[in-house]
N, C-alpha and C. Protein backbone atom coordinates (compact mmCIF):
# COMPACT_ATOMS: atom_id res chain seq x y z
N UNK A 1 11.57 -20.71 0.38
CA UNK A 1 12.64 -19.82 0.87
C UNK A 1 13.19 -20.38 2.18
N UNK A 2 14.47 -20.18 2.40
CA UNK A 2 15.12 -20.82 3.53
C UNK A 2 14.88 -20.10 4.85
N UNK A 3 14.49 -18.82 4.79
CA UNK A 3 14.36 -18.05 6.02
C UNK A 3 12.92 -17.98 6.51
N UNK A 4 12.17 -19.04 6.30
CA UNK A 4 10.77 -19.08 6.67
C UNK A 4 10.62 -18.92 8.18
N UNK A 5 9.73 -18.02 8.58
CA UNK A 5 9.46 -17.81 10.00
C UNK A 5 7.96 -17.89 10.24
N UNK A 6 7.57 -18.01 11.49
CA UNK A 6 6.16 -17.95 11.85
C UNK A 6 5.81 -16.49 12.13
N UNK A 7 5.30 -15.84 11.13
CA UNK A 7 5.06 -14.41 11.22
C UNK A 7 4.12 -14.07 12.36
N UNK A 8 3.12 -14.90 12.60
CA UNK A 8 2.11 -14.60 13.60
C UNK A 8 2.67 -14.60 15.02
N UNK A 9 3.88 -15.16 15.21
CA UNK A 9 4.48 -15.21 16.55
C UNK A 9 5.62 -14.20 16.72
N UNK A 10 5.86 -13.40 15.70
CA UNK A 10 6.96 -12.44 15.73
C UNK A 10 6.39 -11.06 16.07
N UNK A 11 6.37 -10.73 17.35
CA UNK A 11 5.70 -9.51 17.82
C UNK A 11 6.31 -8.26 17.21
N UNK A 12 7.63 -8.21 17.11
CA UNK A 12 8.27 -7.02 16.55
C UNK A 12 7.91 -6.85 15.07
N UNK A 13 7.94 -7.94 14.33
CA UNK A 13 7.58 -7.87 12.92
C UNK A 13 6.12 -7.44 12.74
N UNK A 14 5.25 -7.96 13.57
CA UNK A 14 3.83 -7.59 13.47
C UNK A 14 3.64 -6.10 13.75
N UNK A 15 4.34 -5.58 14.75
CA UNK A 15 4.25 -4.15 15.05
C UNK A 15 4.76 -3.32 13.88
N UNK A 16 5.83 -3.77 13.25
CA UNK A 16 6.38 -3.05 12.12
C UNK A 16 5.46 -3.10 10.90
N UNK A 17 4.82 -4.24 10.69
CA UNK A 17 3.87 -4.37 9.59
C UNK A 17 2.67 -3.45 9.82
N UNK A 18 2.19 -3.39 11.05
CA UNK A 18 1.09 -2.49 11.37
C UNK A 18 1.49 -1.04 11.12
N UNK A 19 2.71 -0.69 11.51
CA UNK A 19 3.21 0.67 11.28
C UNK A 19 3.22 1.02 9.80
N UNK A 20 3.71 0.12 8.97
CA UNK A 20 3.78 0.38 7.53
C UNK A 20 2.38 0.59 6.95
N UNK A 21 1.46 -0.30 7.28
CA UNK A 21 0.11 -0.17 6.75
C UNK A 21 -0.59 1.09 7.20
N UNK A 22 -0.45 1.42 8.47
CA UNK A 22 -1.11 2.60 9.03
C UNK A 22 -0.48 3.89 8.53
N UNK A 23 0.81 3.86 8.23
CA UNK A 23 1.49 5.06 7.77
C UNK A 23 1.24 5.33 6.29
N UNK A 24 1.30 4.30 5.46
CA UNK A 24 1.22 4.49 4.02
C UNK A 24 -0.21 4.41 3.48
N UNK A 25 -1.04 3.57 4.06
CA UNK A 25 -2.39 3.36 3.54
C UNK A 25 -3.21 4.63 3.37
N UNK A 26 -3.25 5.52 4.37
CA UNK A 26 -4.11 6.70 4.24
C UNK A 26 -3.76 7.61 3.08
N UNK A 27 -2.51 7.62 2.63
CA UNK A 27 -2.13 8.50 1.53
C UNK A 27 -2.79 8.08 0.20
N UNK A 28 -3.16 6.81 0.11
CA UNK A 28 -3.83 6.33 -1.10
C UNK A 28 -5.35 6.55 -1.06
N UNK A 29 -5.86 6.81 0.11
CA UNK A 29 -7.31 6.89 0.30
C UNK A 29 -7.83 8.30 0.52
N UNK A 30 -6.96 9.22 0.86
CA UNK A 30 -7.40 10.53 1.31
C UNK A 30 -6.92 11.65 0.41
N UNK A 31 -7.85 12.46 -0.02
CA UNK A 31 -7.55 13.67 -0.77
C UNK A 31 -6.69 14.57 0.11
N UNK A 32 -5.54 15.05 -0.35
CA UNK A 32 -4.64 15.82 0.52
C UNK A 32 -5.21 17.15 0.99
N UNK A 33 -6.25 17.65 0.34
CA UNK A 33 -6.85 18.92 0.74
C UNK A 33 -8.12 18.71 1.55
N UNK A 34 -8.96 17.79 1.13
CA UNK A 34 -10.28 17.67 1.72
C UNK A 34 -10.33 16.77 2.94
N UNK A 35 -9.38 15.90 3.09
CA UNK A 35 -9.45 14.92 4.17
C UNK A 35 -8.46 15.24 5.28
N UNK A 36 -8.76 14.71 6.46
CA UNK A 36 -8.04 15.09 7.67
C UNK A 36 -6.84 14.18 7.94
N UNK A 37 -5.81 14.32 7.11
CA UNK A 37 -4.58 13.59 7.38
C UNK A 37 -3.41 14.58 7.42
N UNK A 38 -3.70 15.79 7.87
CA UNK A 38 -2.66 16.81 7.97
C UNK A 38 -1.45 16.32 8.76
N UNK A 39 -1.70 15.59 9.85
CA UNK A 39 -0.60 15.14 10.70
C UNK A 39 0.35 14.20 9.97
N UNK A 40 -0.21 13.33 9.11
CA UNK A 40 0.64 12.41 8.38
C UNK A 40 1.51 13.14 7.37
N UNK A 41 0.92 14.09 6.64
CA UNK A 41 1.72 14.88 5.71
C UNK A 41 2.78 15.67 6.47
N UNK A 42 2.38 16.26 7.60
CA UNK A 42 3.33 17.03 8.41
C UNK A 42 4.46 16.18 8.92
N UNK A 43 4.17 14.93 9.29
CA UNK A 43 5.21 14.03 9.79
C UNK A 43 6.23 13.71 8.70
N UNK A 44 5.75 13.48 7.48
CA UNK A 44 6.67 13.20 6.38
C UNK A 44 7.54 14.43 6.09
N UNK A 45 6.91 15.59 6.06
CA UNK A 45 7.65 16.82 5.75
C UNK A 45 8.73 17.12 6.78
N UNK A 46 8.49 16.72 8.03
CA UNK A 46 9.41 17.05 9.12
C UNK A 46 10.47 15.97 9.38
N UNK A 47 10.43 14.88 8.65
CA UNK A 47 11.34 13.77 8.91
C UNK A 47 12.80 14.17 8.71
N UNK A 48 13.64 13.63 9.56
CA UNK A 48 15.07 13.56 9.27
C UNK A 48 15.25 12.31 8.41
N UNK A 49 15.47 12.50 7.13
CA UNK A 49 15.42 11.39 6.19
C UNK A 49 16.43 10.30 6.53
N UNK A 50 17.65 10.68 6.87
CA UNK A 50 18.67 9.68 7.16
C UNK A 50 18.29 8.84 8.38
N UNK A 51 17.80 9.47 9.42
CA UNK A 51 17.39 8.74 10.61
C UNK A 51 16.19 7.84 10.31
N UNK A 52 15.22 8.37 9.57
CA UNK A 52 14.03 7.59 9.25
C UNK A 52 14.37 6.40 8.37
N UNK A 53 15.32 6.58 7.45
CA UNK A 53 15.71 5.49 6.56
C UNK A 53 16.35 4.35 7.33
N UNK A 54 17.14 4.68 8.33
CA UNK A 54 17.76 3.64 9.16
C UNK A 54 16.70 2.88 9.95
N UNK A 55 15.69 3.59 10.42
CA UNK A 55 14.69 2.98 11.29
C UNK A 55 13.58 2.26 10.52
N UNK A 56 13.42 2.55 9.23
CA UNK A 56 12.29 1.97 8.49
C UNK A 56 12.44 0.46 8.41
N UNK A 57 11.40 -0.29 8.76
CA UNK A 57 11.55 -1.75 8.84
C UNK A 57 11.51 -2.45 7.48
N UNK A 58 12.22 -3.55 7.41
CA UNK A 58 12.21 -4.52 6.31
C UNK A 58 12.90 -4.05 5.03
N UNK A 59 13.35 -2.80 4.97
CA UNK A 59 13.89 -2.25 3.73
C UNK A 59 15.28 -1.67 3.98
N UNK A 60 16.19 -1.89 3.05
CA UNK A 60 17.53 -1.34 3.17
C UNK A 60 17.50 0.18 3.14
N UNK A 61 18.35 0.78 3.95
CA UNK A 61 18.44 2.24 4.04
C UNK A 61 18.61 2.87 2.67
N UNK A 62 19.40 2.25 1.81
CA UNK A 62 19.69 2.82 0.49
C UNK A 62 18.46 2.90 -0.40
N UNK A 63 17.44 2.12 -0.11
CA UNK A 63 16.19 2.19 -0.86
C UNK A 63 15.20 3.15 -0.21
N UNK A 64 15.19 3.20 1.11
CA UNK A 64 14.23 4.05 1.81
C UNK A 64 14.56 5.53 1.63
N UNK A 65 15.83 5.86 1.73
CA UNK A 65 16.22 7.28 1.73
C UNK A 65 15.76 8.02 0.47
N UNK A 66 16.01 7.50 -0.75
CA UNK A 66 15.53 8.24 -1.93
C UNK A 66 14.02 8.30 -2.03
N UNK A 67 13.33 7.29 -1.53
CA UNK A 67 11.86 7.31 -1.56
C UNK A 67 11.32 8.41 -0.66
N UNK A 68 11.86 8.50 0.55
CA UNK A 68 11.44 9.56 1.46
C UNK A 68 11.84 10.94 0.94
N UNK A 69 12.98 11.02 0.30
CA UNK A 69 13.41 12.30 -0.27
C UNK A 69 12.43 12.77 -1.34
N UNK A 70 11.96 11.85 -2.17
CA UNK A 70 10.96 12.20 -3.18
C UNK A 70 9.67 12.68 -2.52
N UNK A 71 9.25 12.01 -1.47
CA UNK A 71 8.02 12.41 -0.78
C UNK A 71 8.17 13.81 -0.20
N UNK A 72 9.31 14.09 0.41
CA UNK A 72 9.53 15.43 0.94
C UNK A 72 9.60 16.47 -0.19
N UNK A 73 10.24 16.11 -1.28
CA UNK A 73 10.30 17.03 -2.41
C UNK A 73 8.91 17.39 -2.91
N UNK A 74 8.03 16.40 -2.93
CA UNK A 74 6.67 16.63 -3.38
C UNK A 74 5.84 17.47 -2.43
N UNK A 75 6.34 17.66 -1.21
CA UNK A 75 5.63 18.46 -0.21
C UNK A 75 6.27 19.82 0.02
N UNK A 76 7.20 20.22 -0.85
CA UNK A 76 7.90 21.48 -0.65
C UNK A 76 6.94 22.68 -0.62
N UNK A 77 5.84 22.60 -1.35
CA UNK A 77 4.86 23.69 -1.37
C UNK A 77 3.70 23.42 -0.42
N UNK A 78 3.84 22.40 0.41
CA UNK A 78 2.79 22.07 1.36
C UNK A 78 1.81 21.06 0.79
N UNK A 79 1.08 20.40 1.68
CA UNK A 79 0.17 19.36 1.20
C UNK A 79 -1.12 19.92 0.63
N UNK A 80 -1.33 21.24 0.72
CA UNK A 80 -2.50 21.85 0.08
C UNK A 80 -2.19 22.42 -1.29
N UNK A 81 -0.99 22.18 -1.78
CA UNK A 81 -0.59 22.67 -3.09
C UNK A 81 -1.46 22.04 -4.19
N UNK A 82 -1.84 22.85 -5.16
CA UNK A 82 -2.70 22.37 -6.24
C UNK A 82 -2.07 21.21 -7.02
N UNK A 83 -0.74 21.25 -7.18
CA UNK A 83 -0.09 20.18 -7.92
C UNK A 83 -0.25 18.83 -7.26
N UNK A 84 -0.14 18.79 -5.94
CA UNK A 84 -0.33 17.55 -5.20
C UNK A 84 -1.79 17.10 -5.28
N UNK A 85 -2.69 18.05 -5.11
CA UNK A 85 -4.11 17.74 -5.14
C UNK A 85 -4.52 17.14 -6.48
N UNK A 86 -4.13 17.78 -7.56
CA UNK A 86 -4.57 17.31 -8.87
C UNK A 86 -3.89 16.01 -9.26
N UNK A 87 -2.68 15.80 -8.79
CA UNK A 87 -2.05 14.50 -9.07
C UNK A 87 -2.77 13.38 -8.33
N UNK A 88 -3.16 13.64 -7.09
CA UNK A 88 -3.93 12.63 -6.36
C UNK A 88 -5.21 12.29 -7.11
N UNK A 89 -5.91 13.31 -7.55
CA UNK A 89 -7.19 13.07 -8.24
C UNK A 89 -6.98 12.41 -9.59
N UNK A 90 -5.89 12.76 -10.29
CA UNK A 90 -5.60 12.11 -11.56
C UNK A 90 -5.32 10.62 -11.37
N UNK A 91 -4.58 10.30 -10.31
CA UNK A 91 -4.19 8.92 -10.09
C UNK A 91 -5.29 8.07 -9.48
N UNK A 92 -6.06 8.64 -8.55
CA UNK A 92 -6.94 7.81 -7.72
C UNK A 92 -8.43 8.15 -7.79
N UNK A 93 -8.78 9.26 -8.40
CA UNK A 93 -10.19 9.67 -8.37
C UNK A 93 -10.80 9.74 -9.77
N UNK A 94 -10.19 10.45 -10.69
CA UNK A 94 -10.78 10.68 -12.00
C UNK A 94 -11.23 12.12 -12.12
N UNK A 95 -12.11 12.44 -13.12
CA UNK A 95 -12.97 11.54 -13.88
C UNK A 95 -12.32 10.85 -15.06
N UNK A 96 -11.12 11.29 -15.49
CA UNK A 96 -10.48 10.63 -16.61
C UNK A 96 -9.98 9.25 -16.20
N UNK A 97 -9.68 8.42 -17.20
CA UNK A 97 -9.18 7.07 -16.92
C UNK A 97 -7.90 7.15 -16.11
N UNK A 98 -7.82 6.33 -15.09
CA UNK A 98 -6.64 6.33 -14.22
C UNK A 98 -5.48 5.62 -14.91
N UNK A 99 -4.29 6.20 -14.89
CA UNK A 99 -3.15 5.55 -15.57
C UNK A 99 -2.71 4.25 -14.91
N UNK A 100 -2.94 4.12 -13.61
CA UNK A 100 -2.61 2.89 -12.88
C UNK A 100 -3.70 2.68 -11.84
N UNK A 101 -4.82 2.08 -12.22
CA UNK A 101 -5.95 1.92 -11.29
C UNK A 101 -5.52 1.20 -10.01
N UNK A 102 -6.00 1.66 -8.85
CA UNK A 102 -5.50 1.14 -7.57
C UNK A 102 -6.18 -0.12 -7.07
N UNK A 103 -6.86 -0.87 -7.94
CA UNK A 103 -7.57 -2.09 -7.54
C UNK A 103 -6.91 -3.32 -8.15
N UNK A 104 -6.72 -4.34 -7.34
CA UNK A 104 -6.03 -5.52 -7.81
C UNK A 104 -6.69 -6.23 -8.96
N UNK A 105 -8.01 -6.31 -8.96
CA UNK A 105 -8.68 -7.11 -9.99
C UNK A 105 -8.55 -6.50 -11.38
N UNK A 106 -8.24 -5.21 -11.47
CA UNK A 106 -8.01 -4.59 -12.77
C UNK A 106 -6.85 -5.28 -13.49
N UNK A 107 -5.91 -5.79 -12.73
CA UNK A 107 -4.72 -6.41 -13.30
C UNK A 107 -4.85 -7.93 -13.41
N UNK A 108 -5.62 -8.53 -12.53
CA UNK A 108 -5.67 -9.99 -12.47
C UNK A 108 -6.91 -10.59 -13.11
N UNK A 109 -7.92 -9.79 -13.41
CA UNK A 109 -9.14 -10.28 -14.05
C UNK A 109 -9.00 -10.14 -15.56
N UNK A 110 -9.37 -11.16 -16.29
CA UNK A 110 -9.14 -11.14 -17.74
C UNK A 110 -9.94 -10.05 -18.44
N UNK A 111 -10.99 -9.54 -17.80
CA UNK A 111 -11.75 -8.44 -18.37
C UNK A 111 -11.29 -7.09 -17.84
N UNK A 112 -10.34 -7.10 -16.92
CA UNK A 112 -9.76 -5.86 -16.42
C UNK A 112 -10.73 -4.96 -15.71
N UNK A 113 -11.62 -5.51 -14.90
CA UNK A 113 -12.67 -4.73 -14.26
C UNK A 113 -12.45 -4.66 -12.75
N UNK A 114 -12.98 -3.61 -12.14
CA UNK A 114 -13.06 -3.60 -10.68
C UNK A 114 -14.19 -4.55 -10.28
N UNK A 115 -14.19 -5.00 -9.05
CA UNK A 115 -15.12 -6.03 -8.59
C UNK A 115 -14.97 -7.30 -9.42
N UNK A 116 -13.76 -7.58 -9.88
CA UNK A 116 -13.49 -8.81 -10.61
C UNK A 116 -13.40 -10.00 -9.67
N UNK A 117 -13.02 -11.15 -10.20
CA UNK A 117 -13.03 -12.39 -9.42
C UNK A 117 -12.08 -12.33 -8.23
N UNK A 118 -10.91 -11.74 -8.41
CA UNK A 118 -9.99 -11.69 -7.28
C UNK A 118 -10.52 -10.77 -6.18
N UNK A 119 -11.23 -9.73 -6.56
CA UNK A 119 -11.86 -8.87 -5.55
C UNK A 119 -12.95 -9.63 -4.82
N UNK A 120 -13.71 -10.42 -5.56
CA UNK A 120 -14.77 -11.21 -4.93
C UNK A 120 -14.18 -12.30 -4.04
N UNK A 121 -13.05 -12.87 -4.44
CA UNK A 121 -12.39 -13.88 -3.60
C UNK A 121 -11.93 -13.26 -2.29
N UNK A 122 -11.40 -12.05 -2.35
CA UNK A 122 -11.01 -11.36 -1.14
C UNK A 122 -12.23 -11.09 -0.25
N UNK A 123 -13.32 -10.66 -0.84
CA UNK A 123 -14.55 -10.38 -0.08
C UNK A 123 -15.03 -11.65 0.63
N UNK A 124 -15.02 -12.80 -0.09
CA UNK A 124 -15.44 -14.07 0.52
C UNK A 124 -14.52 -14.44 1.67
N UNK A 125 -13.23 -14.23 1.48
CA UNK A 125 -12.26 -14.54 2.54
C UNK A 125 -12.51 -13.66 3.75
N UNK A 126 -12.78 -12.40 3.55
CA UNK A 126 -13.05 -11.50 4.67
C UNK A 126 -14.29 -11.92 5.43
N UNK A 127 -15.31 -12.37 4.72
CA UNK A 127 -16.53 -12.85 5.37
C UNK A 127 -16.22 -14.10 6.19
N UNK A 128 -15.43 -15.01 5.62
CA UNK A 128 -15.05 -16.22 6.35
C UNK A 128 -14.30 -15.89 7.64
N UNK A 129 -13.52 -14.85 7.60
CA UNK A 129 -12.73 -14.45 8.77
C UNK A 129 -13.49 -13.47 9.68
N UNK A 130 -14.73 -13.20 9.34
CA UNK A 130 -15.58 -12.27 10.13
C UNK A 130 -14.95 -10.88 10.21
N UNK A 131 -14.35 -10.43 9.09
CA UNK A 131 -13.77 -9.10 9.01
C UNK A 131 -14.81 -8.17 8.40
N UNK A 132 -15.15 -7.13 9.12
CA UNK A 132 -16.18 -6.21 8.66
C UNK A 132 -15.57 -5.05 7.88
N UNK A 133 -16.27 -4.64 6.84
CA UNK A 133 -15.85 -3.45 6.10
C UNK A 133 -16.18 -2.20 6.90
N UNK A 134 -15.35 -1.16 6.80
CA UNK A 134 -15.70 0.11 7.43
C UNK A 134 -17.01 0.65 6.85
N UNK A 135 -17.80 1.29 7.68
CA UNK A 135 -19.11 1.78 7.24
C UNK A 135 -19.01 2.81 6.14
N UNK A 136 -17.92 3.58 6.10
CA UNK A 136 -17.81 4.68 5.15
C UNK A 136 -17.07 4.30 3.86
N UNK A 137 -16.85 3.02 3.63
CA UNK A 137 -16.13 2.57 2.45
C UNK A 137 -17.13 2.20 1.35
N UNK A 138 -16.96 2.80 0.18
CA UNK A 138 -17.86 2.52 -0.93
C UNK A 138 -17.08 2.11 -2.17
N UNK A 139 -15.99 1.39 -1.99
CA UNK A 139 -15.15 0.95 -3.11
C UNK A 139 -14.79 -0.51 -2.91
N UNK A 140 -14.29 -1.17 -3.96
CA UNK A 140 -13.88 -2.58 -3.82
C UNK A 140 -12.82 -2.76 -2.72
N UNK A 141 -12.86 -3.92 -2.10
CA UNK A 141 -11.95 -4.21 -1.00
C UNK A 141 -10.49 -4.25 -1.43
N UNK A 142 -10.23 -4.52 -2.72
CA UNK A 142 -8.84 -4.69 -3.16
C UNK A 142 -8.21 -3.38 -3.64
N UNK A 143 -8.62 -2.28 -3.06
CA UNK A 143 -7.95 -0.99 -3.27
C UNK A 143 -6.65 -1.00 -2.48
N UNK A 144 -5.57 -0.49 -3.06
CA UNK A 144 -4.27 -0.54 -2.41
C UNK A 144 -4.29 0.06 -1.01
N UNK A 145 -4.99 1.17 -0.84
CA UNK A 145 -5.05 1.80 0.48
C UNK A 145 -5.78 0.95 1.50
N UNK A 146 -6.91 0.37 1.08
CA UNK A 146 -7.66 -0.50 1.98
C UNK A 146 -6.86 -1.75 2.33
N UNK A 147 -6.13 -2.27 1.36
CA UNK A 147 -5.34 -3.48 1.61
C UNK A 147 -4.23 -3.20 2.62
N UNK A 148 -3.60 -2.03 2.51
CA UNK A 148 -2.56 -1.68 3.48
C UNK A 148 -3.15 -1.54 4.89
N UNK A 149 -4.31 -0.92 4.99
CA UNK A 149 -4.93 -0.77 6.30
C UNK A 149 -5.41 -2.12 6.84
N UNK A 150 -5.90 -2.98 5.96
CA UNK A 150 -6.31 -4.31 6.41
C UNK A 150 -5.09 -5.11 6.87
N UNK A 151 -3.99 -4.99 6.16
CA UNK A 151 -2.75 -5.64 6.59
C UNK A 151 -2.38 -5.21 8.00
N UNK A 152 -2.47 -3.90 8.26
CA UNK A 152 -2.15 -3.39 9.59
C UNK A 152 -3.12 -3.92 10.64
N UNK A 153 -4.39 -3.95 10.30
CA UNK A 153 -5.41 -4.43 11.23
C UNK A 153 -5.18 -5.90 11.58
N UNK A 154 -4.88 -6.71 10.57
CA UNK A 154 -4.63 -8.13 10.82
C UNK A 154 -3.39 -8.31 11.69
N UNK A 155 -2.35 -7.52 11.45
CA UNK A 155 -1.13 -7.63 12.25
C UNK A 155 -1.43 -7.38 13.72
N UNK A 156 -2.36 -6.49 14.00
CA UNK A 156 -2.67 -6.15 15.38
C UNK A 156 -3.78 -7.01 15.99
N UNK A 157 -4.71 -7.48 15.17
CA UNK A 157 -5.91 -8.12 15.71
C UNK A 157 -6.10 -9.59 15.35
N UNK A 158 -5.52 -10.03 14.24
CA UNK A 158 -5.70 -11.42 13.84
C UNK A 158 -4.46 -11.90 13.09
N UNK A 159 -3.31 -11.92 13.75
CA UNK A 159 -2.06 -12.24 13.06
C UNK A 159 -2.00 -13.66 12.51
N UNK A 160 -2.86 -14.55 13.03
CA UNK A 160 -2.83 -15.94 12.57
C UNK A 160 -3.17 -16.05 11.08
N UNK A 161 -3.92 -15.09 10.53
CA UNK A 161 -4.30 -15.18 9.12
C UNK A 161 -3.59 -14.12 8.27
N UNK A 162 -2.66 -13.39 8.86
CA UNK A 162 -1.97 -12.33 8.12
C UNK A 162 -1.20 -12.90 6.93
N UNK A 163 -0.44 -13.96 7.14
CA UNK A 163 0.33 -14.52 6.04
C UNK A 163 -0.58 -15.04 4.93
N UNK A 164 -1.70 -15.63 5.29
CA UNK A 164 -2.67 -16.10 4.29
C UNK A 164 -3.16 -14.93 3.44
N UNK A 165 -3.45 -13.82 4.10
CA UNK A 165 -3.88 -12.62 3.38
C UNK A 165 -2.79 -12.12 2.44
N UNK A 166 -1.57 -12.02 2.94
CA UNK A 166 -0.48 -11.52 2.12
C UNK A 166 -0.20 -12.45 0.94
N UNK A 167 -0.15 -13.73 1.21
CA UNK A 167 0.21 -14.71 0.18
C UNK A 167 -0.87 -14.87 -0.87
N UNK A 168 -2.14 -14.88 -0.45
CA UNK A 168 -3.21 -15.20 -1.37
C UNK A 168 -3.94 -14.03 -1.97
N UNK A 169 -3.81 -12.84 -1.35
CA UNK A 169 -4.65 -11.72 -1.80
C UNK A 169 -3.93 -10.41 -2.05
N UNK A 170 -2.76 -10.20 -1.48
CA UNK A 170 -2.14 -8.88 -1.59
C UNK A 170 -0.82 -8.90 -2.35
N UNK A 171 0.11 -9.72 -1.92
CA UNK A 171 1.41 -9.75 -2.58
C UNK A 171 1.33 -10.30 -4.00
N UNK A 172 0.22 -10.92 -4.32
CA UNK A 172 0.02 -11.46 -5.66
C UNK A 172 0.04 -10.39 -6.74
N UNK A 173 -0.37 -9.16 -6.40
CA UNK A 173 -0.47 -8.11 -7.41
C UNK A 173 0.17 -6.79 -7.02
N UNK A 174 0.59 -6.63 -5.78
CA UNK A 174 1.02 -5.33 -5.30
C UNK A 174 2.23 -4.79 -6.07
N UNK A 175 3.26 -5.60 -6.25
CA UNK A 175 4.44 -5.11 -6.96
C UNK A 175 4.11 -4.75 -8.40
N UNK A 176 3.32 -5.56 -9.07
CA UNK A 176 2.94 -5.29 -10.45
C UNK A 176 2.24 -3.94 -10.56
N UNK A 177 1.29 -3.68 -9.67
CA UNK A 177 0.60 -2.40 -9.67
C UNK A 177 1.54 -1.25 -9.34
N UNK A 178 2.34 -1.41 -8.29
CA UNK A 178 3.17 -0.30 -7.83
C UNK A 178 4.23 0.08 -8.86
N UNK A 179 4.74 -0.87 -9.62
CA UNK A 179 5.64 -0.53 -10.71
C UNK A 179 4.95 0.37 -11.73
N UNK A 180 3.70 0.06 -12.03
CA UNK A 180 2.95 0.88 -12.98
C UNK A 180 2.66 2.26 -12.41
N UNK A 181 2.37 2.31 -11.11
CA UNK A 181 2.10 3.60 -10.48
C UNK A 181 3.35 4.48 -10.47
N UNK A 182 4.50 3.89 -10.21
CA UNK A 182 5.75 4.65 -10.23
C UNK A 182 5.98 5.28 -11.60
N UNK A 183 5.71 4.50 -12.64
CA UNK A 183 5.89 5.01 -14.01
C UNK A 183 4.85 6.07 -14.37
N UNK A 184 3.67 5.97 -13.78
CA UNK A 184 2.56 6.84 -14.17
C UNK A 184 2.56 8.19 -13.49
N UNK A 185 3.09 8.26 -12.28
CA UNK A 185 2.96 9.51 -11.53
C UNK A 185 3.94 10.57 -12.01
N UNK A 186 3.48 11.80 -11.97
CA UNK A 186 4.28 12.95 -12.41
C UNK A 186 4.62 13.85 -11.22
N UNK A 187 4.29 13.43 -10.02
CA UNK A 187 4.52 14.25 -8.82
C UNK A 187 5.43 13.48 -7.87
N UNK A 188 6.51 14.10 -7.38
CA UNK A 188 7.50 13.35 -6.59
C UNK A 188 6.92 12.67 -5.36
N UNK A 189 5.95 13.30 -4.68
CA UNK A 189 5.42 12.68 -3.47
C UNK A 189 4.86 11.30 -3.77
N UNK A 190 4.03 11.19 -4.79
CA UNK A 190 3.39 9.90 -5.07
C UNK A 190 4.35 8.90 -5.68
N UNK A 191 5.38 9.38 -6.39
CA UNK A 191 6.40 8.45 -6.87
C UNK A 191 7.16 7.85 -5.69
N UNK A 192 7.51 8.71 -4.73
CA UNK A 192 8.19 8.21 -3.55
C UNK A 192 7.32 7.29 -2.72
N UNK A 193 6.04 7.64 -2.60
CA UNK A 193 5.09 6.81 -1.86
C UNK A 193 4.98 5.42 -2.49
N UNK A 194 4.83 5.38 -3.81
CA UNK A 194 4.71 4.10 -4.49
C UNK A 194 5.98 3.27 -4.33
N UNK A 195 7.13 3.92 -4.43
CA UNK A 195 8.40 3.19 -4.28
C UNK A 195 8.54 2.64 -2.87
N UNK A 196 8.26 3.46 -1.88
CA UNK A 196 8.40 3.01 -0.49
C UNK A 196 7.40 1.90 -0.18
N UNK A 197 6.21 1.99 -0.71
CA UNK A 197 5.23 0.92 -0.51
C UNK A 197 5.71 -0.38 -1.14
N UNK A 198 6.20 -0.28 -2.37
CA UNK A 198 6.69 -1.48 -3.05
C UNK A 198 7.83 -2.13 -2.26
N UNK A 199 8.84 -1.34 -1.88
CA UNK A 199 9.98 -1.90 -1.16
C UNK A 199 9.56 -2.48 0.19
N UNK A 200 8.59 -1.85 0.84
CA UNK A 200 8.14 -2.33 2.15
C UNK A 200 7.44 -3.68 2.03
N UNK A 201 6.55 -3.80 1.05
CA UNK A 201 5.82 -5.07 0.88
C UNK A 201 6.76 -6.18 0.44
N UNK A 202 7.67 -5.86 -0.46
CA UNK A 202 8.66 -6.87 -0.88
C UNK A 202 9.57 -7.25 0.28
N UNK A 203 9.87 -6.27 1.15
CA UNK A 203 10.69 -6.57 2.32
C UNK A 203 9.99 -7.47 3.31
N UNK A 204 8.70 -7.24 3.51
CA UNK A 204 7.92 -8.12 4.39
C UNK A 204 7.91 -9.54 3.82
N UNK A 205 7.70 -9.64 2.51
CA UNK A 205 7.67 -10.95 1.86
C UNK A 205 8.99 -11.68 2.05
N UNK A 206 10.09 -10.98 1.84
CA UNK A 206 11.41 -11.61 1.98
C UNK A 206 11.68 -11.99 3.44
N UNK A 207 11.34 -11.10 4.36
CA UNK A 207 11.59 -11.36 5.78
C UNK A 207 10.84 -12.60 6.25
N UNK A 208 9.58 -12.71 5.84
CA UNK A 208 8.74 -13.81 6.31
C UNK A 208 8.89 -15.07 5.47
N UNK A 209 9.63 -14.97 4.36
CA UNK A 209 9.81 -16.13 3.50
C UNK A 209 8.52 -16.60 2.87
N UNK A 210 7.71 -15.67 2.39
CA UNK A 210 6.41 -16.00 1.83
C UNK A 210 6.56 -16.31 0.34
N UNK A 211 6.23 -17.54 -0.03
CA UNK A 211 6.26 -17.94 -1.43
C UNK A 211 4.91 -17.60 -2.06
N UNK A 212 4.93 -16.77 -3.07
CA UNK A 212 3.70 -16.30 -3.70
C UNK A 212 3.58 -16.90 -5.10
N UNK A 213 2.39 -17.41 -5.42
CA UNK A 213 2.08 -17.84 -6.78
C UNK A 213 1.44 -16.66 -7.49
N UNK A 214 2.14 -16.12 -8.48
CA UNK A 214 1.65 -14.91 -9.14
C UNK A 214 0.68 -15.28 -10.25
N UNK A 215 -0.41 -14.52 -10.35
CA UNK A 215 -1.39 -14.79 -11.40
C UNK A 215 -0.91 -14.26 -12.74
N UNK A 216 -1.67 -14.54 -13.75
CA UNK A 216 -1.44 -13.89 -15.05
C UNK A 216 -1.97 -12.46 -14.95
N UNK A 217 -1.19 -11.52 -15.46
CA UNK A 217 -1.64 -10.13 -15.44
C UNK A 217 -2.15 -9.75 -16.82
N UNK A 218 -3.26 -9.05 -16.85
CA UNK A 218 -3.90 -8.69 -18.10
C UNK A 218 -3.72 -7.20 -18.43
N UNK A 219 -3.00 -6.51 -17.57
CA UNK A 219 -2.74 -5.09 -17.81
C UNK A 219 -1.36 -4.75 -17.25
């Protein structure tokens, strides 16, 4: 790509990447009723959508605005609404089979399993970079929510390897998964969340000129 930049030296871009990861990641990891992310749900519900769409980094206003509108629509009954709760559990918890599993290796491993080879490759890379897993995490590292938070952490703490992470471990499967999640969700909040996440990651890729070699997808 012609617009290649040194992402690790672009302070504004790094701050924006951290913002995206910290803002969107928790929604994939936290039950809207049982977990303490009330402030994040409240912030989305209170947004002036037009102003937020203009300010959202890396993505055209015309793409951000409908995504945020869907998220607000999904919160019309509040974040403790049963419809939001059960959609979160259907998509990310179970016990039934998830329509769009949130782990990268499900799509990139020929056996379609969690803890597949791409998940193990990410784990080895994290060990090489001396990146520690949170003590309270009991799921594979390639969960979409964990990957967004790791992206944010790298932007703030180890930007020299951020592009390597994006190119080799995250952007390889994120769009493929998020397209499936958009099709699978029946609740506006999570459809908007998936769309905004997809556009944000694709925007980061385009801004930084990151050439990604996409794997074969098995799902």
